[in-house]
Amino acid sequence: MSITPESVKQLLESQDLGDRLRAVNQIRQLEPKLGFELVQNAVNDSNSRVRYSAVSQLDTLGKQDLDLSLNILRDRLLNDPEADVQAAAADCLGALGLREAFDDLQQLYQTSNEWIVQFSIIATLGELNDPRSFELLKTALSSENDLVKTAAISSFGELGDLQAIPLLAPYATDPDWQVRYRLVQALNRLGGTDAKSILETLANDEVEAVATEAKKSLPEA
């Protein structure tokens, strides 16, 4: 049986959860313009799995109408009762480069107790590449959650502000090698004399993956 907009719409209106989940997955096989129209019916579904799957597709389908996508994603970011859906909305805002949502992302980071929401917001700030992110990323470096802290390091690298280097320097001795690895990548993006000095130290890191990555960033002797 071929997949058509009509067949997907019918499944989306079904009382059966399995039908609606299948419908959202089938949206991926439709033309983006049609997919965007249909996915809007699913972002407010009563089931969080359907909403998550629908919202997640807006990272690409949302390009059909950025203004409308901004409104949809803002609503799910701030009002959805499920953290996973909020996190997916944050991810898509970054993928679409919607800097207009910066204040909403900042507000939610400061009020949410959900680590996955905080992580997605901090990771998204790197994609948005908005200078206003600096202070929020600075705050995230002090997070008790290692994943949030690591995301902040990466996003500082994407932000490209050399003022971040003194903030990042202490993590060269972080006990978690994965933090040091992300630091190497961030410093490589940032560049400059101070970054190079830290990278030279990390090129002798006890963990081979960290040392190898740091050496890639340095000119061969």
N, C-alpha and C. Protein backbone atom coordinates (compact mmCIF):
# COMPACT_ATOMS: atom_id res chain seq x y z
N MET A 1 0.85 -1.20 0.00
CA MET A 1 0.00 0.00 0.00
C MET A 1 0.89 1.25 0.00
N SER A 2 0.65 2.14 -0.96
CA SER A 2 1.49 3.33 -1.06
C SER A 2 1.12 4.34 0.03
N ILE A 3 2.12 5.14 0.39
CA ILE A 3 1.93 6.16 1.41
C ILE A 3 1.56 7.46 0.73
N THR A 4 0.41 8.02 1.10
CA THR A 4 -0.06 9.27 0.52
C THR A 4 -0.38 10.24 1.65
N PRO A 5 -0.46 11.53 1.36
CA PRO A 5 -0.87 12.48 2.40
C PRO A 5 -2.21 12.11 3.03
N GLU A 6 -3.12 11.59 2.21
CA GLU A 6 -4.45 11.23 2.70
C GLU A 6 -4.37 10.05 3.68
N SER A 7 -3.53 9.05 3.32
CA SER A 7 -3.43 7.87 4.19
C SER A 7 -2.75 8.23 5.50
N VAL A 8 -1.76 9.12 5.43
CA VAL A 8 -1.07 9.54 6.66
C VAL A 8 -2.02 10.35 7.54
N LYS A 9 -2.78 11.23 6.93
CA LYS A 9 -3.73 12.05 7.69
C LYS A 9 -4.75 11.17 8.40
N GLN A 10 -5.19 10.13 7.73
CA GLN A 10 -6.16 9.22 8.33
C GLN A 10 -5.57 8.52 9.55
N LEU A 11 -4.31 8.09 9.43
CA LEU A 11 -3.66 7.43 10.56
C LEU A 11 -3.45 8.40 11.71
N LEU A 12 -3.12 9.65 11.40
CA LEU A 12 -2.90 10.64 12.45
C LEU A 12 -4.17 10.89 13.27
N GLU A 13 -5.31 10.69 12.63
CA GLU A 13 -6.60 10.91 13.30
C GLU A 13 -7.12 9.69 14.03
N SER A 14 -6.36 8.59 13.95
CA SER A 14 -6.79 7.33 14.58
C SER A 14 -6.73 7.43 16.11
N GLN A 15 -7.58 6.66 16.76
CA GLN A 15 -7.54 6.57 18.23
C GLN A 15 -6.43 5.63 18.69
N ASP A 16 -5.89 4.87 17.76
CA ASP A 16 -4.86 3.88 18.09
C ASP A 16 -3.47 4.54 18.10
N LEU A 17 -2.76 4.41 19.19
CA LEU A 17 -1.45 5.04 19.32
C LEU A 17 -0.47 4.51 18.28
N GLY A 18 -0.52 3.22 18.02
CA GLY A 18 0.37 2.62 17.03
C GLY A 18 0.17 3.22 15.65
N ASP A 19 -1.08 3.48 15.30
CA ASP A 19 -1.38 4.11 14.00
C ASP A 19 -0.75 5.50 13.93
N ARG A 20 -0.89 6.26 15.00
CA ARG A 20 -0.40 7.64 14.98
C ARG A 20 1.13 7.68 14.95
N LEU A 21 1.76 6.77 15.66
CA LEU A 21 3.22 6.70 15.61
C LEU A 21 3.70 6.31 14.22
N ARG A 22 3.00 5.37 13.61
CA ARG A 22 3.35 4.95 12.26
C ARG A 22 3.18 6.11 11.29
N ALA A 23 2.13 6.88 11.49
CA ALA A 23 1.86 8.01 10.61
C ALA A 23 2.98 9.04 10.67
N VAL A 24 3.43 9.34 11.87
CA VAL A 24 4.50 10.34 12.01
C VAL A 24 5.77 9.86 11.32
N ASN A 25 6.06 8.58 11.45
CA ASN A 25 7.23 8.03 10.76
C ASN A 25 7.07 8.09 9.25
N GLN A 26 5.86 7.89 8.78
CA GLN A 26 5.61 7.91 7.34
C GLN A 26 5.71 9.31 6.75
N ILE A 27 5.56 10.32 7.58
CA ILE A 27 5.68 11.70 7.10
C ILE A 27 7.04 11.92 6.46
N ARG A 28 8.05 11.21 6.94
CA ARG A 28 9.42 11.35 6.39
C ARG A 28 9.48 10.99 4.91
N GLN A 29 8.52 10.19 4.44
CA GLN A 29 8.55 9.73 3.05
C GLN A 29 7.75 10.63 2.11
N LEU A 30 7.17 11.67 2.65
CA LEU A 30 6.39 12.59 1.83
C LEU A 30 7.22 13.80 1.42
N GLU A 31 6.73 14.54 0.46
CA GLU A 31 7.39 15.79 0.09
C GLU A 31 7.43 16.71 1.31
N PRO A 32 8.55 17.43 1.52
CA PRO A 32 8.68 18.27 2.71
C PRO A 32 7.52 19.23 2.94
N LYS A 33 7.02 19.85 1.87
CA LYS A 33 5.92 20.80 2.04
C LYS A 33 4.69 20.12 2.62
N LEU A 34 4.37 18.93 2.11
CA LEU A 34 3.22 18.18 2.62
C LEU A 34 3.51 17.65 4.02
N GLY A 35 4.74 17.20 4.22
CA GLY A 35 5.13 16.69 5.54
C GLY A 35 5.01 17.76 6.61
N PHE A 36 5.39 18.97 6.26
CA PHE A 36 5.32 20.06 7.22
C PHE A 36 3.87 20.35 7.62
N GLU A 37 2.99 20.30 6.65
CA GLU A 37 1.57 20.54 6.95
C GLU A 37 1.01 19.47 7.88
N LEU A 38 1.38 18.21 7.61
CA LEU A 38 0.84 17.11 8.40
C LEU A 38 1.45 17.01 9.79
N VAL A 39 2.74 17.33 9.89
CA VAL A 39 3.40 17.18 11.18
C VAL A 39 2.81 18.16 12.21
N GLN A 40 2.24 19.24 11.71
CA GLN A 40 1.62 20.21 12.63
C GLN A 40 0.44 19.60 13.38
N ASN A 41 -0.17 18.58 12.78
CA ASN A 41 -1.29 17.90 13.44
C ASN A 41 -0.82 17.01 14.58
N ALA A 42 0.47 16.69 14.57
CA ALA A 42 0.98 15.72 15.55
C ALA A 42 1.74 16.36 16.71
N VAL A 43 2.15 17.62 16.55
CA VAL A 43 2.98 18.22 17.60
C VAL A 43 2.19 18.46 18.89
N ASN A 44 0.87 18.42 18.81
CA ASN A 44 0.04 18.60 20.01
C ASN A 44 -0.72 17.33 20.37
N ASP A 45 -0.25 16.19 19.86
CA ASP A 45 -0.91 14.91 20.15
C ASP A 45 -0.97 14.67 21.66
N SER A 46 -1.94 13.91 22.08
CA SER A 46 -2.09 13.62 23.52
C SER A 46 -0.98 12.73 24.05
N ASN A 47 -0.28 12.01 23.15
CA ASN A 47 0.78 11.09 23.59
C ASN A 47 2.15 11.74 23.37
N SER A 48 2.99 11.67 24.38
CA SER A 48 4.30 12.35 24.31
C SER A 48 5.22 11.72 23.27
N ARG A 49 5.08 10.43 23.01
CA ARG A 49 5.93 9.78 22.00
C ARG A 49 5.63 10.32 20.61
N VAL A 50 4.36 10.54 20.34
CA VAL A 50 3.97 11.10 19.05
C VAL A 50 4.47 12.54 18.94
N ARG A 51 4.30 13.30 20.01
CA ARG A 51 4.75 14.70 19.99
C ARG A 51 6.26 14.76 19.81
N TYR A 52 6.99 13.90 20.49
CA TYR A 52 8.45 13.90 20.38
C TYR A 52 8.88 13.60 18.94
N SER A 53 8.29 12.59 18.35
CA SER A 53 8.64 12.21 16.99
C SER A 53 8.30 13.32 16.01
N ALA A 54 7.17 13.99 16.23
CA ALA A 54 6.75 15.06 15.34
C ALA A 54 7.66 16.28 15.47
N VAL A 55 7.90 16.69 16.70
CA VAL A 55 8.75 17.87 16.94
C VAL A 55 10.15 17.63 16.39
N SER A 56 10.66 16.42 16.57
CA SER A 56 12.02 16.12 16.12
C SER A 56 12.20 16.31 14.62
N GLN A 57 11.13 16.14 13.86
CA GLN A 57 11.22 16.28 12.40
C GLN A 57 11.28 17.74 11.94
N LEU A 58 11.00 18.65 12.85
CA LEU A 58 11.01 20.06 12.46
C LEU A 58 12.42 20.59 12.22
N ASP A 59 13.44 19.82 12.59
CA ASP A 59 14.81 20.28 12.31
C ASP A 59 15.04 20.43 10.80
N THR A 60 14.28 19.66 10.01
CA THR A 60 14.38 19.79 8.54
C THR A 60 13.08 20.33 7.94
N LEU A 61 11.94 19.78 8.37
CA LEU A 61 10.66 20.23 7.81
C LEU A 61 10.38 21.69 8.14
N GLY A 62 10.92 22.15 9.26
CA GLY A 62 10.66 23.52 9.69
C GLY A 62 11.16 24.58 8.73
N LYS A 63 12.06 24.20 7.83
CA LYS A 63 12.58 25.16 6.85
C LYS A 63 11.49 25.63 5.89
N GLN A 64 10.39 24.90 5.84
CA GLN A 64 9.30 25.29 4.94
C GLN A 64 8.69 26.63 5.34
N ASP A 65 8.68 26.92 6.65
CA ASP A 65 8.12 28.18 7.14
C ASP A 65 8.76 28.47 8.49
N LEU A 66 9.82 29.25 8.48
CA LEU A 66 10.59 29.47 9.71
C LEU A 66 9.79 30.22 10.77
N ASP A 67 8.98 31.17 10.37
CA ASP A 67 8.19 31.93 11.35
C ASP A 67 7.19 31.03 12.07
N LEU A 68 6.51 30.21 11.31
CA LEU A 68 5.55 29.28 11.91
C LEU A 68 6.27 28.25 12.77
N SER A 69 7.40 27.77 12.28
CA SER A 69 8.17 26.79 13.05
C SER A 69 8.64 27.37 14.37
N LEU A 70 9.05 28.64 14.33
CA LEU A 70 9.47 29.30 15.57
C LEU A 70 8.34 29.31 16.58
N ASN A 71 7.15 29.62 16.14
CA ASN A 71 6.00 29.65 17.06
C ASN A 71 5.69 28.27 17.62
N ILE A 72 5.74 27.26 16.75
CA ILE A 72 5.45 25.89 17.18
C ILE A 72 6.49 25.41 18.19
N LEU A 73 7.74 25.64 17.86
CA LEU A 73 8.82 25.16 18.72
C LEU A 73 8.88 25.91 20.05
N ARG A 74 8.61 27.19 20.02
CA ARG A 74 8.54 27.96 21.26
C ARG A 74 7.47 27.40 22.18
N ASP A 75 6.32 27.10 21.59
CA ASP A 75 5.21 26.57 22.38
C ASP A 75 5.58 25.25 23.03
N ARG A 76 6.18 24.35 22.25
CA ARG A 76 6.56 23.04 22.81
C ARG A 76 7.71 23.17 23.82
N LEU A 77 8.62 24.11 23.55
CA LEU A 77 9.74 24.34 24.45
C LEU A 77 9.26 24.78 25.83
N LEU A 78 8.32 25.70 25.85
CA LEU A 78 7.91 26.30 27.12
C LEU A 78 6.71 25.62 27.77
N ASN A 79 5.90 24.93 26.97
CA ASN A 79 4.63 24.45 27.51
C ASN A 79 4.45 22.94 27.53
N ASP A 80 5.31 22.20 26.84
CA ASP A 80 5.10 20.75 26.84
C ASP A 80 5.39 20.17 28.22
N PRO A 81 4.58 19.24 28.70
CA PRO A 81 4.79 18.66 30.03
C PRO A 81 5.91 17.63 30.08
N GLU A 82 6.42 17.20 28.91
CA GLU A 82 7.45 16.17 28.87
C GLU A 82 8.81 16.78 28.53
N ALA A 83 9.81 16.45 29.36
CA ALA A 83 11.15 17.00 29.16
C ALA A 83 11.75 16.60 27.82
N ASP A 84 11.49 15.37 27.38
CA ASP A 84 12.05 14.91 26.10
C ASP A 84 11.56 15.76 24.93
N VAL A 85 10.30 16.15 24.99
CA VAL A 85 9.73 16.97 23.92
C VAL A 85 10.32 18.38 23.97
N GLN A 86 10.46 18.91 25.17
CA GLN A 86 11.09 20.23 25.33
C GLN A 86 12.51 20.21 24.77
N ALA A 87 13.24 19.14 25.09
CA ALA A 87 14.62 19.01 24.61
C ALA A 87 14.67 18.93 23.09
N ALA A 88 13.73 18.19 22.50
CA ALA A 88 13.68 18.08 21.04
C ALA A 88 13.39 19.45 20.41
N ALA A 89 12.52 20.22 21.05
CA ALA A 89 12.22 21.56 20.54
C ALA A 89 13.46 22.44 20.57
N ALA A 90 14.22 22.35 21.66
CA ALA A 90 15.47 23.12 21.77
C ALA A 90 16.44 22.72 20.66
N ASP A 91 16.57 21.42 20.43
CA ASP A 91 17.47 20.93 19.38
C ASP A 91 17.09 21.51 18.02
N CYS A 92 15.81 21.53 17.73
CA CYS A 92 15.35 22.00 16.42
C CYS A 92 15.53 23.51 16.26
N LEU A 93 15.37 24.25 17.34
CA LEU A 93 15.59 25.70 17.28
C LEU A 93 17.04 25.98 16.87
N GLY A 94 17.96 25.18 17.38
CA GLY A 94 19.35 25.33 17.00
C GLY A 94 19.60 24.92 15.57
N ALA A 95 19.02 23.79 15.17
CA ALA A 95 19.21 23.28 13.81
C ALA A 95 18.71 24.28 12.77
N LEU A 96 17.64 25.00 13.11
CA LEU A 96 17.05 25.96 12.19
C LEU A 96 17.67 27.36 12.33
N GLY A 97 18.56 27.51 13.31
CA GLY A 97 19.23 28.80 13.50
C GLY A 97 18.30 29.92 13.94
N LEU A 98 17.30 29.57 14.75
CA LEU A 98 16.29 30.56 15.15
C LEU A 98 16.74 31.32 16.41
N ARG A 99 17.57 32.31 16.19
CA ARG A 99 18.09 33.11 17.31
C ARG A 99 17.00 33.86 18.06
N GLU A 100 15.86 34.05 17.40
CA GLU A 100 14.75 34.75 18.05
C GLU A 100 14.29 34.05 19.32
N ALA A 101 14.65 32.79 19.46
CA ALA A 101 14.22 32.01 20.63
C ALA A 101 15.23 32.08 21.77
N PHE A 102 16.28 32.90 21.63
CA PHE A 102 17.33 32.91 22.66
C PHE A 102 16.78 33.19 24.06
N ASP A 103 15.95 34.22 24.18
CA ASP A 103 15.42 34.56 25.51
C ASP A 103 14.60 33.42 26.10
N ASP A 104 13.87 32.70 25.25
CA ASP A 104 13.07 31.57 25.74
C ASP A 104 13.98 30.44 26.21
N LEU A 105 15.04 30.19 25.45
CA LEU A 105 15.99 29.14 25.85
C LEU A 105 16.67 29.49 27.16
N GLN A 106 17.05 30.73 27.29
CA GLN A 106 17.72 31.16 28.52
C GLN A 106 16.78 31.04 29.72
N GLN A 107 15.55 31.48 29.53
CA GLN A 107 14.56 31.41 30.61
C GLN A 107 14.34 29.97 31.06
N LEU A 108 14.18 29.06 30.09
CA LEU A 108 13.92 27.67 30.45
C LEU A 108 15.13 27.03 31.12
N TYR A 109 16.33 27.35 30.64
CA TYR A 109 17.54 26.79 31.29
C TYR A 109 17.56 27.17 32.76
N GLN A 110 17.19 28.38 33.06
CA GLN A 110 17.27 28.87 34.44
C GLN A 110 16.15 28.36 35.33
N THR A 111 15.08 27.85 34.73
CA THR A 111 13.94 27.41 35.55
C THR A 111 13.73 25.90 35.53
N SER A 112 14.27 25.20 34.54
CA SER A 112 14.05 23.75 34.44
C SER A 112 15.00 22.98 35.36
N ASN A 113 14.47 21.92 35.94
CA ASN A 113 15.30 21.02 36.76
C ASN A 113 15.68 19.76 35.99
N GLU A 114 15.29 19.71 34.72
CA GLU A 114 15.53 18.51 33.91
C GLU A 114 16.88 18.63 33.21
N TRP A 115 17.78 17.68 33.48
CA TRP A 115 19.12 17.77 32.91
C TRP A 115 19.09 17.68 31.38
N ILE A 116 18.19 16.85 30.84
CA ILE A 116 18.16 16.68 29.39
C ILE A 116 17.71 17.97 28.69
N VAL A 117 16.85 18.73 29.34
CA VAL A 117 16.43 20.02 28.79
C VAL A 117 17.60 21.00 28.84
N GLN A 118 18.28 21.04 29.99
CA GLN A 118 19.42 21.94 30.12
C GLN A 118 20.52 21.57 29.13
N PHE A 119 20.77 20.29 28.97
CA PHE A 119 21.80 19.83 28.03
C PHE A 119 21.47 20.26 26.60
N SER A 120 20.24 20.04 26.19
CA SER A 120 19.84 20.38 24.82
C SER A 120 19.93 21.88 24.57
N ILE A 121 19.57 22.67 25.57
CA ILE A 121 19.64 24.12 25.42
C ILE A 121 21.09 24.57 25.25
N ILE A 122 21.98 24.06 26.09
CA ILE A 122 23.38 24.47 26.02
C ILE A 122 24.01 24.01 24.71
N ALA A 123 23.69 22.81 24.26
CA ALA A 123 24.20 22.34 22.98
C ALA A 123 23.67 23.18 21.82
N THR A 124 22.41 23.58 21.91
CA THR A 124 21.79 24.40 20.88
C THR A 124 22.43 25.78 20.77
N LEU A 125 22.87 26.32 21.90
CA LEU A 125 23.48 27.65 21.89
C LEU A 125 24.73 27.67 21.00
N GLY A 126 25.42 26.56 20.93
CA GLY A 126 26.57 26.49 20.03
C GLY A 126 26.14 26.61 18.58
N GLU A 127 25.06 25.94 18.22
CA GLU A 127 24.55 26.00 16.85
C GLU A 127 24.03 27.40 16.51
N LEU A 128 23.39 28.05 17.48
CA LEU A 128 22.85 29.38 17.22
C LEU A 128 23.95 30.41 17.02
N ASN A 129 25.10 30.17 17.67
CA ASN A 129 26.25 31.07 17.51
C ASN A 129 25.87 32.52 17.78
N ASP A 130 25.14 32.74 18.87
CA ASP A 130 24.67 34.06 19.25
C ASP A 130 25.56 34.60 20.37
N PRO A 131 26.17 35.77 20.19
CA PRO A 131 27.06 36.32 21.21
C PRO A 131 26.42 36.45 22.59
N ARG A 132 25.10 36.57 22.63
CA ARG A 132 24.41 36.69 23.92
C ARG A 132 24.54 35.43 24.76
N SER A 133 24.99 34.34 24.15
CA SER A 133 25.08 33.06 24.85
C SER A 133 26.23 33.01 25.86
N PHE A 134 27.17 33.92 25.75
CA PHE A 134 28.42 33.80 26.52
C PHE A 134 28.17 33.61 28.02
N GLU A 135 27.37 34.47 28.62
CA GLU A 135 27.16 34.40 30.06
C GLU A 135 26.43 33.13 30.48
N LEU A 136 25.48 32.70 29.66
CA LEU A 136 24.75 31.47 29.99
C LEU A 136 25.67 30.25 29.88
N LEU A 137 26.53 30.24 28.88
CA LEU A 137 27.51 29.14 28.76
C LEU A 137 28.47 29.16 29.93
N LYS A 138 28.84 30.34 30.36
CA LYS A 138 29.71 30.47 31.53
C LYS A 138 29.06 29.85 32.77
N THR A 139 27.78 30.10 32.93
CA THR A 139 27.02 29.50 34.03
C THR A 139 26.99 27.98 33.92
N ALA A 140 26.78 27.49 32.69
CA ALA A 140 26.67 26.05 32.47
C ALA A 140 27.96 25.31 32.75
N LEU A 141 29.09 26.00 32.66
CA LEU A 141 30.38 25.36 32.98
C LEU A 141 30.43 24.89 34.42
N SER A 142 29.62 25.51 35.26
CA SER A 142 29.59 25.15 36.68
C SER A 142 28.50 24.14 37.01
N SER A 143 27.86 23.61 35.99
CA SER A 143 26.78 22.64 36.21
C SER A 143 27.28 21.40 36.95
N GLU A 144 26.42 20.86 37.79
CA GLU A 144 26.76 19.63 38.50
C GLU A 144 26.66 18.42 37.57
N ASN A 145 26.02 18.61 36.43
CA ASN A 145 25.88 17.52 35.47
C ASN A 145 27.01 17.58 34.46
N ASP A 146 27.79 16.51 34.36
CA ASP A 146 28.97 16.50 33.49
C ASP A 146 28.61 16.67 32.02
N LEU A 147 27.45 16.14 31.61
CA LEU A 147 27.06 16.26 30.21
C LEU A 147 26.75 17.71 29.85
N VAL A 148 26.12 18.42 30.77
CA VAL A 148 25.82 19.84 30.53
C VAL A 148 27.12 20.63 30.47
N LYS A 149 28.01 20.32 31.38
CA LYS A 149 29.32 21.01 31.40
C LYS A 149 30.08 20.75 30.10
N THR A 150 30.07 19.52 29.64
CA THR A 150 30.77 19.17 28.40
C THR A 150 30.14 19.87 27.20
N ALA A 151 28.82 19.96 27.20
CA ALA A 151 28.12 20.66 26.12
C ALA A 151 28.51 22.14 26.11
N ALA A 152 28.68 22.73 27.29
CA ALA A 152 29.06 24.14 27.38
C ALA A 152 30.45 24.35 26.78
N ILE A 153 31.37 23.44 27.06
CA ILE A 153 32.71 23.53 26.50
C ILE A 153 32.65 23.51 24.97
N SER A 154 31.89 22.57 24.44
CA SER A 154 31.76 22.45 22.98
C SER A 154 31.13 23.71 22.38
N SER A 155 30.10 24.22 23.03
CA SER A 155 29.40 25.39 22.50
C SER A 155 30.28 26.64 22.55
N PHE A 156 31.13 26.74 23.56
CA PHE A 156 32.09 27.85 23.60
C PHE A 156 33.00 27.79 22.37
N GLY A 157 33.38 26.58 21.99
CA GLY A 157 34.21 26.43 20.79
C GLY A 157 33.50 26.92 19.55
N GLU A 158 32.21 26.61 19.45
CA GLU A 158 31.43 27.03 18.28
C GLU A 158 31.16 28.53 18.30
N LEU A 159 31.06 29.10 19.51
CA LEU A 159 30.78 30.53 19.63
C LEU A 159 31.94 31.37 19.11
N GLY A 160 33.16 30.87 19.31
CA GLY A 160 34.31 31.53 18.72
C GLY A 160 34.82 32.77 19.44
N ASP A 161 34.41 32.97 20.68
CA ASP A 161 34.85 34.14 21.45
C ASP A 161 36.10 33.77 22.26
N LEU A 162 37.21 34.41 21.95
CA LEU A 162 38.48 34.08 22.60
C LEU A 162 38.47 34.38 24.10
N GLN A 163 37.52 35.17 24.55
CA GLN A 163 37.41 35.44 25.99
C GLN A 163 37.04 34.17 26.77
N ALA A 164 36.62 33.15 26.06
CA ALA A 164 36.25 31.89 26.73
C ALA A 164 37.48 31.09 27.15
N ILE A 165 38.63 31.34 26.54
CA ILE A 165 39.80 30.50 26.79
C ILE A 165 40.22 30.48 28.26
N PRO A 166 40.28 31.61 28.95
CA PRO A 166 40.62 31.55 30.38
C PRO A 166 39.60 30.76 31.20
N LEU A 167 38.35 30.77 30.77
CA LEU A 167 37.32 30.00 31.47
C LEU A 167 37.48 28.50 31.22
N LEU A 168 37.97 28.17 30.04
CA LEU A 168 38.11 26.76 29.66
C LEU A 168 39.42 26.14 30.15
N ALA A 169 40.43 26.96 30.35
CA ALA A 169 41.77 26.46 30.69
C ALA A 169 41.79 25.48 31.87
N PRO A 170 41.05 25.72 32.96
CA PRO A 170 41.09 24.79 34.10
C PRO A 170 40.67 23.36 33.77
N TYR A 171 39.90 23.20 32.69
CA TYR A 171 39.40 21.87 32.35
C TYR A 171 40.46 21.00 31.67
N ALA A 172 41.63 21.57 31.44
CA ALA A 172 42.73 20.78 30.89
C ALA A 172 43.19 19.71 31.87
N THR A 173 42.85 19.89 33.15
CA THR A 173 43.21 18.90 34.18
C THR A 173 41.98 18.23 34.76
N ASP A 174 40.86 18.33 34.07
CA ASP A 174 39.63 17.68 34.56
C ASP A 174 39.85 16.17 34.62
N PRO A 175 39.38 15.52 35.69
CA PRO A 175 39.59 14.07 35.82
C PRO A 175 38.88 13.23 34.76
N ASP A 176 37.87 13.80 34.12
CA ASP A 176 37.13 13.07 33.09
C ASP A 176 37.80 13.32 31.74
N TRP A 177 38.35 12.25 31.15
CA TRP A 177 39.08 12.41 29.89
C TRP A 177 38.17 12.89 28.76
N GLN A 178 36.87 12.57 28.86
CA GLN A 178 35.96 13.02 27.81
C GLN A 178 35.77 14.53 27.84
N VAL A 179 35.86 15.12 29.04
CA VAL A 179 35.82 16.58 29.15
C VAL A 179 37.07 17.17 28.50
N ARG A 180 38.22 16.55 28.76
CA ARG A 180 39.46 17.05 28.17
C ARG A 180 39.44 16.90 26.66
N TYR A 181 38.84 15.82 26.17
CA TYR A 181 38.75 15.60 24.73
C TYR A 181 37.90 16.69 24.07
N ARG A 182 36.77 17.01 24.67
CA ARG A 182 35.91 18.06 24.13
C ARG A 182 36.62 19.42 24.22
N LEU A 183 37.42 19.59 25.28
CA LEU A 183 38.18 20.82 25.42
C LEU A 183 39.15 20.99 24.26
N VAL A 184 39.83 19.92 23.89
CA VAL A 184 40.75 19.97 22.76
C VAL A 184 40.03 20.44 21.50
N GLN A 185 38.87 19.86 21.25
CA GLN A 185 38.11 20.23 20.06
C GLN A 185 37.67 21.70 20.10
N ALA A 186 37.26 22.16 21.29
CA ALA A 186 36.84 23.55 21.43
C ALA A 186 38.00 24.50 21.23
N LEU A 187 39.14 24.18 21.81
CA LEU A 187 40.32 25.04 21.67
C LEU A 187 40.80 25.10 20.23
N ASN A 188 40.68 23.98 19.55
CA ASN A 188 41.07 23.94 18.14
C ASN A 188 40.19 24.88 17.31
N ARG A 189 38.91 24.93 17.64
CA ARG A 189 38.00 25.83 16.94
C ARG A 189 38.32 27.30 17.26
N LEU A 190 38.64 27.55 18.53
CA LEU A 190 38.89 28.92 18.96
C LEU A 190 40.20 29.47 18.40
N GLY A 191 41.25 28.65 18.45
CA GLY A 191 42.53 29.07 17.93
C GLY A 191 43.19 30.16 18.78
N GLY A 192 44.32 30.64 18.31
CA GLY A 192 45.04 31.68 19.03
C GLY A 192 46.18 31.13 19.87
N THR A 193 47.03 32.03 20.33
CA THR A 193 48.23 31.64 21.07
C THR A 193 47.91 30.94 22.38
N ASP A 194 46.95 31.47 23.13
CA ASP A 194 46.61 30.88 24.43
C ASP A 194 46.04 29.48 24.26
N ALA A 195 45.22 29.30 23.25
CA ALA A 195 44.65 27.97 22.99
C ALA A 195 45.76 27.00 22.61
N LYS A 196 46.70 27.46 21.80
CA LYS A 196 47.80 26.61 21.36
C LYS A 196 48.64 26.14 22.55
N SER A 197 48.86 27.03 23.50
CA SER A 197 49.65 26.68 24.68
C SER A 197 49.00 25.54 25.47
N ILE A 198 47.68 25.60 25.63
CA ILE A 198 46.96 24.55 26.36
C ILE A 198 46.98 23.24 25.55
N LEU A 199 46.83 23.37 24.25
CA LEU A 199 46.84 22.19 23.39
C LEU A 199 48.20 21.48 23.43
N GLU A 200 49.26 22.24 23.54
CA GLU A 200 50.60 21.64 23.63
C GLU A 200 50.73 20.78 24.89
N THR A 201 50.11 21.23 25.97
CA THR A 201 50.09 20.44 27.20
C THR A 201 49.25 19.18 27.03
N LEU A 202 48.09 19.34 26.42
CA LEU A 202 47.18 18.21 26.23
C LEU A 202 47.70 17.20 25.22
N ALA A 203 48.65 17.61 24.40
CA ALA A 203 49.27 16.68 23.45
C ALA A 203 50.04 15.59 24.17
N ASN A 204 50.31 15.80 25.47
CA ASN A 204 51.00 14.80 26.29
C ASN A 204 50.06 14.15 27.30
N ASP A 205 48.76 14.25 27.02
CA ASP A 205 47.76 13.69 27.94
C ASP A 205 47.95 12.19 28.08
N GLU A 206 47.62 11.69 29.28
CA GLU A 206 47.79 10.26 29.57
C GLU A 206 46.82 9.38 28.78
N VAL A 207 45.72 9.98 28.32
CA VAL A 207 44.75 9.24 27.51
C VAL A 207 45.08 9.47 26.05
N GLU A 208 45.31 8.38 25.33
CA GLU A 208 45.79 8.48 23.95
C GLU A 208 44.84 9.27 23.05
N ALA A 209 43.54 9.08 23.23
CA ALA A 209 42.57 9.76 22.37
C ALA A 209 42.69 11.28 22.51
N VAL A 210 42.90 11.74 23.74
CA VAL A 210 43.03 13.17 23.99
C VAL A 210 44.33 13.69 23.37
N ALA A 211 45.41 12.97 23.64
CA ALA A 211 46.72 13.39 23.12
C ALA A 211 46.73 13.42 21.60
N THR A 212 46.16 12.41 20.98
CA THR A 212 46.14 12.33 19.51
C THR A 212 45.34 13.49 18.92
N GLU A 213 44.20 13.78 19.52
CA GLU A 213 43.37 14.87 19.02
C GLU A 213 44.08 16.21 19.17
N ALA A 214 44.80 16.37 20.28
CA ALA A 214 45.53 17.63 20.50
C ALA A 214 46.68 17.77 19.48
N LYS A 215 47.34 16.68 19.19
CA LYS A 215 48.44 16.74 18.23
C LYS A 215 47.96 17.11 16.83
N LYS A 216 46.75 16.67 16.50
CA LYS A 216 46.18 17.02 15.20
C LYS A 216 46.01 18.53 15.05
N SER A 217 45.80 19.19 16.19
CA SER A 217 45.55 20.61 16.18
C SER A 217 46.83 21.44 16.10
N LEU A 218 47.95 20.79 16.30
CA LEU A 218 49.22 21.50 16.35
C LEU A 218 50.04 21.26 15.08
N PRO A 219 50.78 22.25 14.64
CA PRO A 219 51.64 22.04 13.47
C PRO A 219 52.74 21.03 13.81
N GLU A 220 53.07 20.20 12.85
CA GLU A 220 54.12 19.21 13.09
C GLU A 220 55.47 19.91 13.27
N ALA A 221 56.22 19.36 14.23
CA ALA A 221 57.53 19.94 14.53
C ALA A 221 58.47 19.70 13.35
